[in-house]
Amino acid sequence: MNVKDELRFDDTEIAFGDKSNFDLKRMYFLFSTMNSPVIAKTGIWLTQVALGIHLPIKFFIKKTIFAQFCGGESLKDSMKTVEKLGASNIHTILDYSVEGESKESVFDQNKEEIIQSLRLSNQSTHIPTGVMKLTGFVSFSLLVKRQQGKAFDTKEEQRWQQFLTRVDEICSFAVKSGKYLFIDAEESWIQEPIDEIVNDMMRRYNQDKVYIFNTYQMYKKASLANLKAIHEVAKTEGFKIGAKLVRGAYMEKERERAEEKGYDDPIQPSKAATDQAYDEALAYCVEHIDNIYLCAGTHNEQSSKYLTELMADHNLAKDDPRVFYAQLYGMSDNLSYTLAHFQYNVAKYVPYGPVKKVLPYLMRRAAENTSIAGQSSREFRLVKREMKRRKTK
């Protein structure tokens, strides 16, 4: 059967096959709340206030939004989620989602946490990759200064070199472990030094095969050109590219800053332009699959279907190790479980960490589900359909 005919993302029996009735009720509550922007924003504000004055609401958070979007409070806690996803042929990307730190000692702790997650991945066939944000290992201000081309003083240069050492230690450990390592994108005003560092890591470690992946936010006008440019460099210098494609996570912040600072808006003029750039990047990667390994990080049904068609057109096996699909844990199960059901390589980003420390991540998930057109509505609609199916079967 042709992939263009067989693949459908509306089969809720597949999408929610490992969810209990209790799970569905929790999802119904969460996504119905997120479906109402006023209620969602009020709930986010109340949660932040309650935690700020130390009201005992951790239990409620842990049983609702934390359970939906996070794997556990520790690596050990998260292994239950890893095994549950693995039973449905879905891989896990363990994501230590603690943000907003600035101390060198914390950066060292974060490095050890990432290495520990990679070490744990060696004990499970369901964890093919690690992930990290470089802002977890250096102060934001140093990245800003680096992009602005300003000279570091002696202490700053020392801190920068410590940062580079942390990154290399993690990359080296991932390679020795035989694991992919995804490095997340950040805001445009710190992305240039991040790209330089990741490109250097790809030069060093992506020789015969790919281990290190950079992330390209396709809602940025320059991303497709940047991907093509580093690919040309890689062909000349003899290394391979790891490309994780996402639409992006900082659009409102980017536009506000561009207006405030008076520089050209780096963001695509419309969602349609972003969608077109994303799909063009998918096609470019598949066309150059011998030199570019691809992770399609997307919650978009059309792009996911398009990639399956590209793979079929280029005679790539569904489980070709050079192509992965990825979605966030707790979202777009209709994509993840359906693709996994048809034997494509699928991974879920599974954040973990103490409830209070991952709260910024959880609030962002709630805000994104509320603001992205149709996201919470789609999730809510699918959950309702599955609940109805179970009642009537």
Protein backbone atom coordinates (compact mmCIF):
# COMPACT_ATOMS: atom_id res chain seq x y z
CA MET A 1 0.00 0.00 0.00
CA ASN A 2 1.30 3.46 -0.88
CA VAL A 3 2.36 5.56 2.12
CA LYS A 4 0.31 8.43 0.72
CA ASP A 5 -2.82 6.33 1.19
CA GLU A 6 -2.14 4.37 4.37
CA LEU A 7 -0.93 6.98 6.87
CA ARG A 8 -3.66 8.78 8.81
CA PHE A 9 -3.24 10.83 11.97
CA ASP A 10 -6.83 10.68 13.19
CA ASP A 11 -6.92 7.10 14.51
CA THR A 12 -7.35 7.79 18.23
CA GLU A 13 -7.24 4.10 19.13
CA ILE A 14 -3.59 4.08 18.00
CA ALA A 15 -2.83 7.56 19.34
CA PHE A 16 -4.05 6.81 22.87
CA GLY A 17 -3.51 3.07 22.94
CA ASP A 18 -1.36 3.13 26.09
CA LYS A 19 -3.49 5.71 27.94
CA SER A 20 -5.83 4.62 30.72
CA ASN A 21 -9.27 6.14 31.15
CA PHE A 22 -7.81 8.13 34.05
CA ASP A 23 -5.07 9.47 31.77
CA LEU A 24 -7.67 10.57 29.25
CA LYS A 25 -9.70 12.37 31.92
CA ARG A 26 -6.59 14.25 33.06
CA MET A 27 -5.82 15.20 29.46
CA TYR A 28 -9.43 16.28 28.95
CA PHE A 29 -9.17 18.60 31.95
CA LEU A 30 -5.83 20.08 30.92
CA PHE A 31 -6.55 20.68 27.25
CA SER A 32 -10.05 21.98 27.91
CA THR A 33 -8.44 24.51 30.26
CA MET A 34 -5.78 25.45 27.70
CA ASN A 35 -8.49 25.77 25.07
CA SER A 36 -9.72 28.84 26.96
CA PRO A 37 -7.01 31.54 26.81
CA VAL A 38 -8.50 33.54 29.70
CA ILE A 39 -8.72 30.54 32.02
CA ALA A 40 -5.28 29.27 30.96
CA LYS A 41 -3.52 32.60 31.54
CA THR A 42 -5.26 33.04 34.88
CA GLY A 43 -4.24 29.53 35.90
CA ILE A 44 -0.60 30.15 34.92
CA TRP A 45 -0.56 33.37 36.95
CA LEU A 46 -2.19 31.77 40.00
CA THR A 47 0.26 28.85 39.89
CA GLN A 48 3.26 31.16 39.83
CA VAL A 49 1.85 33.27 42.67
CA ALA A 50 1.01 30.20 44.76
CA LEU A 51 4.49 28.76 44.41
CA GLY A 52 6.04 32.15 45.05
CA ILE A 53 4.37 32.38 48.46
CA HIS A 54 4.94 28.67 49.12
CA LEU A 55 1.36 27.46 49.06
CA PRO A 56 1.23 23.63 49.12
CA ILE A 57 0.13 23.03 45.52
CA LYS A 58 3.04 20.86 44.38
CA PHE A 59 0.92 17.70 44.66
CA PHE A 60 -1.76 19.15 42.36
CA ILE A 61 0.82 20.32 39.80
CA LYS A 62 2.60 16.96 39.86
CA LYS A 63 -0.62 15.04 39.24
CA THR A 64 -1.83 17.29 36.41
CA ILE A 65 0.38 19.42 34.15
CA PHE A 66 3.65 17.84 35.38
CA ALA A 67 2.35 14.31 34.75
CA GLN A 68 1.22 15.35 31.27
CA PHE A 69 4.43 17.02 30.08
CA CYS A 70 7.27 15.60 32.23
CA GLY A 71 8.72 12.15 32.76
CA GLY A 72 9.64 12.47 36.42
CA GLU A 73 11.58 14.48 38.96
CA SER A 74 14.79 12.50 38.42
CA LEU A 75 16.41 10.20 35.88
CA LYS A 76 15.35 7.20 37.92
CA ASP A 77 11.74 8.40 38.07
CA SER A 78 11.74 8.94 34.31
CA MET A 79 12.68 5.36 33.45
CA LYS A 80 9.05 4.27 33.91
CA THR A 81 8.08 6.72 31.17
CA VAL A 82 10.97 5.50 28.99
CA GLU A 83 9.80 1.91 29.24
CA LYS A 84 6.15 2.80 28.66
CA LEU A 85 7.00 4.71 25.48
CA GLY A 86 9.36 1.96 24.38
CA ALA A 87 6.54 -0.57 24.56
CA SER A 88 4.88 1.43 21.76
CA ASN A 89 8.08 1.57 19.67
CA ILE A 90 8.74 5.20 20.69
CA HIS A 91 12.21 6.32 21.74
CA THR A 92 12.94 8.82 24.50
CA ILE A 93 15.07 11.96 24.54
CA LEU A 94 15.67 12.74 28.23
CA ASP A 95 15.70 16.51 28.60
CA TYR A 96 16.93 18.03 31.87
CA SER A 97 14.65 21.09 31.82
CA VAL A 98 16.08 23.28 34.56
CA GLU A 99 16.49 26.92 33.49
CA GLY A 100 17.67 30.32 34.65
CA GLU A 101 20.88 29.41 36.50
CA SER A 102 24.07 31.50 36.38
CA LYS A 103 26.67 30.04 38.75
CA GLU A 104 29.74 28.19 37.51
CA SER A 105 29.12 25.45 40.08
CA VAL A 106 25.62 24.94 38.70
CA PHE A 107 26.98 24.77 35.15
CA ASP A 108 29.29 21.97 36.28
CA GLN A 109 26.36 20.18 37.93
CA ASN A 110 24.34 20.52 34.73
CA LYS A 111 27.20 19.01 32.74
CA GLU A 112 27.34 16.04 35.10
CA GLU A 113 23.56 15.62 34.84
CA ILE A 114 23.72 15.44 31.03
CA ILE A 115 26.58 12.94 31.16
CA GLN A 116 24.64 10.89 33.69
CA SER A 117 21.62 10.86 31.36
CA LEU A 118 23.86 9.66 28.51
CA ARG A 119 25.35 7.01 30.80
CA LEU A 120 21.82 5.86 31.65
CA SER A 121 20.97 5.73 27.95
CA ASN A 122 23.52 2.94 27.56
CA GLN A 123 21.25 0.79 29.73
CA SER A 124 18.21 1.16 27.48
CA THR A 125 17.65 0.56 23.78
CA HIS A 126 14.84 3.13 23.97
CA ILE A 127 17.18 6.14 24.49
CA PRO A 128 19.14 6.74 21.26
CA THR A 129 20.08 10.35 21.94
CA GLY A 130 20.81 13.03 24.47
CA VAL A 131 19.95 16.72 24.34
CA MET A 132 21.25 19.93 25.82
CA LYS A 133 20.81 23.69 25.76
CA LEU A 134 24.15 25.47 25.80
CA THR A 135 22.69 28.14 28.09
CA GLY A 136 22.80 25.41 30.73
CA PHE A 137 26.61 25.66 30.80
CA VAL A 138 27.42 29.37 30.45
CA SER A 139 25.90 32.68 31.44
CA PHE A 140 23.54 34.28 28.94
CA SER A 141 25.46 37.56 29.19
CA LEU A 142 28.69 35.96 27.94
CA LEU A 143 26.91 34.62 24.86
CA VAL A 144 25.45 38.07 24.18
CA LYS A 145 28.88 39.68 24.53
CA ARG A 146 30.44 37.06 22.24
CA GLN A 147 27.84 37.67 19.52
CA GLN A 148 28.33 41.43 19.80
CA GLY A 149 32.04 40.93 19.12
CA LYS A 150 33.13 42.56 22.36
CA ALA A 151 36.41 41.50 23.97
CA PHE A 152 36.31 39.40 27.13
CA ASP A 153 38.30 40.40 30.17
CA THR A 154 40.61 37.81 31.74
CA LYS A 155 37.94 36.34 34.04
CA GLU A 156 35.35 36.19 31.26
CA GLU A 157 37.81 34.45 28.94
CA GLN A 158 38.47 31.88 31.65
CA ARG A 159 34.74 31.27 32.09
CA TRP A 160 34.34 30.97 28.31
CA GLN A 161 37.07 28.36 28.08
CA GLN A 162 35.46 26.42 30.95
CA PHE A 163 32.21 26.51 28.97
CA LEU A 164 33.88 25.14 25.82
CA THR A 165 35.47 22.36 27.89
CA ARG A 166 32.07 21.38 29.31
CA VAL A 167 30.54 21.22 25.84
CA ASP A 168 33.39 19.13 24.46
CA GLU A 169 33.29 16.72 27.40
CA ILE A 170 29.59 16.08 26.80
CA CYS A 171 29.99 15.69 23.04
CA SER A 172 32.94 13.34 23.50
CA PHE A 173 30.98 11.22 25.98
CA ALA A 174 28.00 11.02 23.61
CA VAL A 175 30.25 9.83 20.78
CA LYS A 176 31.96 7.23 22.98
CA SER A 177 28.49 6.03 24.00
CA GLY A 178 27.40 5.80 20.36
CA LYS A 179 24.51 8.24 20.94
CA TYR A 180 23.17 11.15 18.97
CA LEU A 181 23.35 14.50 20.77
CA PHE A 182 20.84 17.22 19.90
CA ILE A 183 21.88 20.78 20.76
CA ASP A 184 18.90 23.10 21.06
CA ALA A 185 18.53 26.48 19.38
CA GLU A 186 18.26 29.69 21.40
CA GLU A 187 17.36 33.35 20.84
CA SER A 188 18.78 34.96 17.69
CA TRP A 189 20.93 37.43 19.67
CA ILE A 190 23.00 34.54 21.12
CA GLN A 191 22.60 31.97 18.33
CA GLU A 192 25.69 32.89 16.28
CA PRO A 193 28.28 31.76 18.86
CA ILE A 194 26.19 28.66 19.52
CA ASP A 195 26.23 27.83 15.80
CA GLU A 196 30.00 28.33 15.73
CA ILE A 197 30.50 25.96 18.65
CA VAL A 198 28.15 23.28 17.31
CA ASN A 199 29.72 23.49 13.86
CA ASP A 200 33.12 22.94 15.49
CA MET A 201 31.76 19.91 17.34
CA MET A 202 30.36 18.52 14.07
CA ARG A 203 33.76 19.05 12.42
CA ARG A 204 35.41 17.15 15.23
CA TYR A 205 32.98 14.29 15.73
CA ASN A 206 30.78 13.87 12.61
CA GLN A 207 33.28 12.14 10.38
CA ASP A 208 32.13 8.69 9.23
CA LYS A 209 28.66 9.11 10.77
CA VAL A 210 26.68 11.78 12.57
CA TYR A 211 26.58 12.18 16.33
CA ILE A 212 26.18 15.93 16.90
CA PHE A 213 23.04 17.76 15.69
CA ASN A 214 22.47 21.50 15.46
CA THR A 215 18.91 22.87 15.62
CA TYR A 216 17.50 25.11 12.90
CA GLN A 217 14.47 27.26 13.73
CA MET A 218 12.71 27.60 10.43
CA TYR A 219 10.61 30.58 11.48
CA LYS A 220 13.85 32.56 11.15
CA LYS A 221 14.44 33.92 7.66
CA ALA A 222 18.11 32.91 7.61
CA SER A 223 17.82 29.30 8.79
CA LEU A 224 17.47 27.51 5.44
CA ALA A 225 20.39 29.47 3.97
CA ASN A 226 22.47 28.73 7.08
CA LEU A 227 21.76 24.99 6.76
CA LYS A 228 22.77 24.99 3.10
CA ALA A 229 25.90 27.02 3.83
CA ILE A 230 27.23 24.69 6.53
CA HIS A 231 26.43 21.72 4.31
CA GLU A 232 28.66 23.18 1.60
CA VAL A 233 31.42 23.73 4.16
CA ALA A 234 30.99 20.15 5.40
CA LYS A 235 31.32 18.74 1.90
CA THR A 236 34.54 20.69 1.39
CA GLU A 237 36.04 19.84 4.78
CA GLY A 238 34.85 16.23 4.89
CA PHE A 239 32.39 16.01 7.78
CA LYS A 240 28.66 15.34 8.03
CA ILE A 241 25.75 17.44 9.30
CA GLY A 242 23.19 16.64 11.96
CA ALA A 243 20.12 18.82 11.42
CA LYS A 244 17.19 18.99 13.79
CA LEU A 245 14.47 21.07 12.18
CA VAL A 246 11.89 22.91 14.28
CA ARG A 247 9.59 25.79 13.52
CA GLY A 248 10.76 27.73 16.59
CA ALA A 249 9.97 28.79 20.12
CA TYR A 250 10.76 32.48 20.58
CA MET A 251 8.71 34.31 17.95
CA GLU A 252 6.98 36.92 20.11
CA LYS A 253 10.17 37.65 22.05
CA GLU A 254 12.16 37.97 18.80
CA ARG A 255 9.72 40.42 17.21
CA GLU A 256 9.43 42.55 20.35
CA ARG A 257 13.20 42.83 20.67
CA ALA A 258 13.69 43.66 16.98
CA GLU A 259 11.16 46.48 17.29
CA GLU A 260 12.66 47.72 20.55
CA LYS A 261 16.26 47.69 19.25
CA GLY A 262 15.37 48.94 15.77
CA TYR A 263 16.80 46.13 13.66
CA ASP A 264 15.14 44.05 10.93
CA ASP A 265 12.69 41.44 12.18
CA PRO A 266 14.51 38.07 11.81
CA ILE A 267 11.22 36.14 11.74
CA GLN A 268 9.37 34.92 8.65
CA PRO A 269 6.54 37.28 7.59
CA SER A 270 3.82 34.63 7.99
CA LYS A 271 3.10 31.12 9.18
CA ALA A 272 2.76 30.06 5.54
CA ALA A 273 6.32 31.28 4.89
CA THR A 274 7.55 29.32 7.91
CA ASP A 275 5.73 26.19 6.73
CA GLN A 276 7.24 26.54 3.27
CA ALA A 277 10.75 27.00 4.66
CA TYR A 278 10.31 23.99 6.94
CA ASP A 279 9.20 21.70 4.13
CA GLU A 280 11.94 22.99 1.83
CA ALA A 281 14.47 22.14 4.54
CA LEU A 282 12.99 18.63 4.88
CA ALA A 283 13.36 18.11 1.14
CA TYR A 284 16.92 19.47 1.14
CA CYS A 285 17.98 17.12 3.94
CA VAL A 286 16.44 14.04 2.33
CA GLU A 287 18.00 14.93 -1.02
CA HIS A 288 21.40 15.02 0.72
CA ILE A 289 20.76 12.19 3.17
CA ASP A 290 24.23 10.71 2.65
CA ASN A 291 25.69 13.85 4.22
CA ILE A 292 22.85 15.12 6.45
CA TYR A 293 21.14 13.16 9.21
CA LEU A 294 17.68 14.56 9.93
CA CYS A 295 15.49 14.93 12.98
CA ALA A 296 12.11 16.46 12.13
CA GLY A 297 10.94 18.07 15.34
CA THR A 298 7.38 18.98 14.47
CA HIS A 299 3.79 18.81 15.67
CA ASN A 300 2.55 19.61 12.18
CA GLU A 301 0.59 16.84 10.45
CA GLN A 302 1.25 18.09 6.92
CA SER A 303 5.01 18.27 7.40
CA SER A 304 5.09 14.85 9.04
CA LYS A 305 3.15 13.33 6.16
CA TYR A 306 5.32 15.16 3.64
CA LEU A 307 8.47 13.66 5.15
CA THR A 308 7.06 10.13 4.88
CA GLU A 309 6.39 10.83 1.20
CA LEU A 310 9.91 12.20 0.68
CA MET A 311 11.34 9.06 2.27
CA ALA A 312 9.24 6.85 -0.01
CA ASP A 313 10.19 8.87 -3.09
CA HIS A 314 13.89 8.45 -2.26
CA ASN A 315 13.51 4.75 -1.46
CA LEU A 316 14.48 5.17 2.19
CA ALA A 317 13.42 2.49 4.65
CA LYS A 318 10.91 3.70 7.22
CA ASP A 319 13.40 2.93 9.98
CA ASP A 320 16.43 4.44 8.23
CA PRO A 321 18.66 5.48 11.17
CA ARG A 322 19.44 8.79 9.46
CA VAL A 323 15.85 10.04 9.82
CA PHE A 324 13.95 10.67 13.06
CA TYR A 325 10.62 12.28 13.90
CA ALA A 326 10.30 13.97 17.30
CA GLN A 327 7.52 15.50 19.36
CA LEU A 328 7.26 16.79 22.90
CA TYR A 329 6.03 14.38 25.56
CA GLY A 330 2.37 15.01 26.30
CA MET A 331 1.62 16.55 22.91
CA SER A 332 0.72 15.30 19.42
CA ASP A 333 0.38 11.64 20.38
CA ASN A 334 -1.63 11.17 17.19
CA LEU A 335 1.60 11.86 15.27
CA SER A 336 4.05 10.01 17.48
CA TYR A 337 2.09 6.82 18.02
CA THR A 338 0.88 6.59 14.43
CA LEU A 339 4.36 7.05 12.96
CA ALA A 340 5.79 4.53 15.44
CA HIS A 341 2.97 2.10 14.60
CA PHE A 342 4.11 2.20 10.97
CA GLN A 343 7.74 1.59 12.03
CA TYR A 344 9.21 5.06 11.53
CA ASN A 345 11.88 6.24 13.99
CA VAL A 346 10.03 8.36 16.53
CA ALA A 347 11.25 9.99 19.72
CA LYS A 348 9.54 11.96 22.43
CA TYR A 349 11.31 14.80 24.20
CA VAL A 350 10.76 13.85 27.85
CA PRO A 351 11.65 16.68 30.23
CA TYR A 352 12.50 15.85 33.82
CA GLY A 353 13.58 17.66 36.97
CA PRO A 354 12.19 18.84 40.33
CA VAL A 355 8.67 20.23 39.97
CA LYS A 356 9.55 23.76 41.07
CA LYS A 357 12.65 23.94 38.85
CA VAL A 358 10.85 22.78 35.71
CA LEU A 359 7.95 25.17 36.31
CA PRO A 360 9.23 27.67 33.67
CA TYR A 361 9.13 24.85 31.12
CA LEU A 362 5.63 23.80 32.20
CA MET A 363 4.30 27.35 32.05
CA ARG A 364 5.75 27.71 28.55
CA ARG A 365 4.03 24.51 27.43
CA ALA A 366 0.73 25.80 28.81
CA ALA A 367 1.21 29.20 27.17
CA GLU A 368 2.21 27.68 23.82
CA ASN A 369 -0.76 25.33 23.76
CA THR A 370 -2.99 28.31 24.43
CA SER A 371 -1.41 30.66 21.88
CA ILE A 372 -0.64 28.34 18.96
CA ALA A 373 -3.66 28.40 16.69
CA GLY A 374 -5.50 25.12 16.91
CA GLN A 375 -2.93 23.27 19.08
CA SER A 376 -4.97 22.80 22.26
CA SER A 377 -8.17 22.54 20.20
CA ARG A 378 -6.72 19.64 18.23
CA GLU A 379 -5.49 17.84 21.34
CA PHE A 380 -8.83 18.41 23.09
CA ARG A 381 -10.81 17.23 20.06
CA LEU A 382 -8.81 14.01 19.75
CA VAL A 383 -9.12 13.21 23.45
CA LYS A 384 -12.90 13.74 23.30
CA ARG A 385 -13.12 11.47 20.26
CA GLU A 386 -11.22 8.68 22.00
CA MET A 387 -13.31 8.97 25.17
CA LYS A 388 -16.45 8.70 23.04
CA ARG A 389 -15.03 5.72 21.13
CA ARG A 390 -14.32 3.85 24.33
CA LYS A 391 -17.81 4.48 25.66
CA THR A 392 -19.49 3.21 22.50
CA LYS A 393 -17.31 0.25 21.54
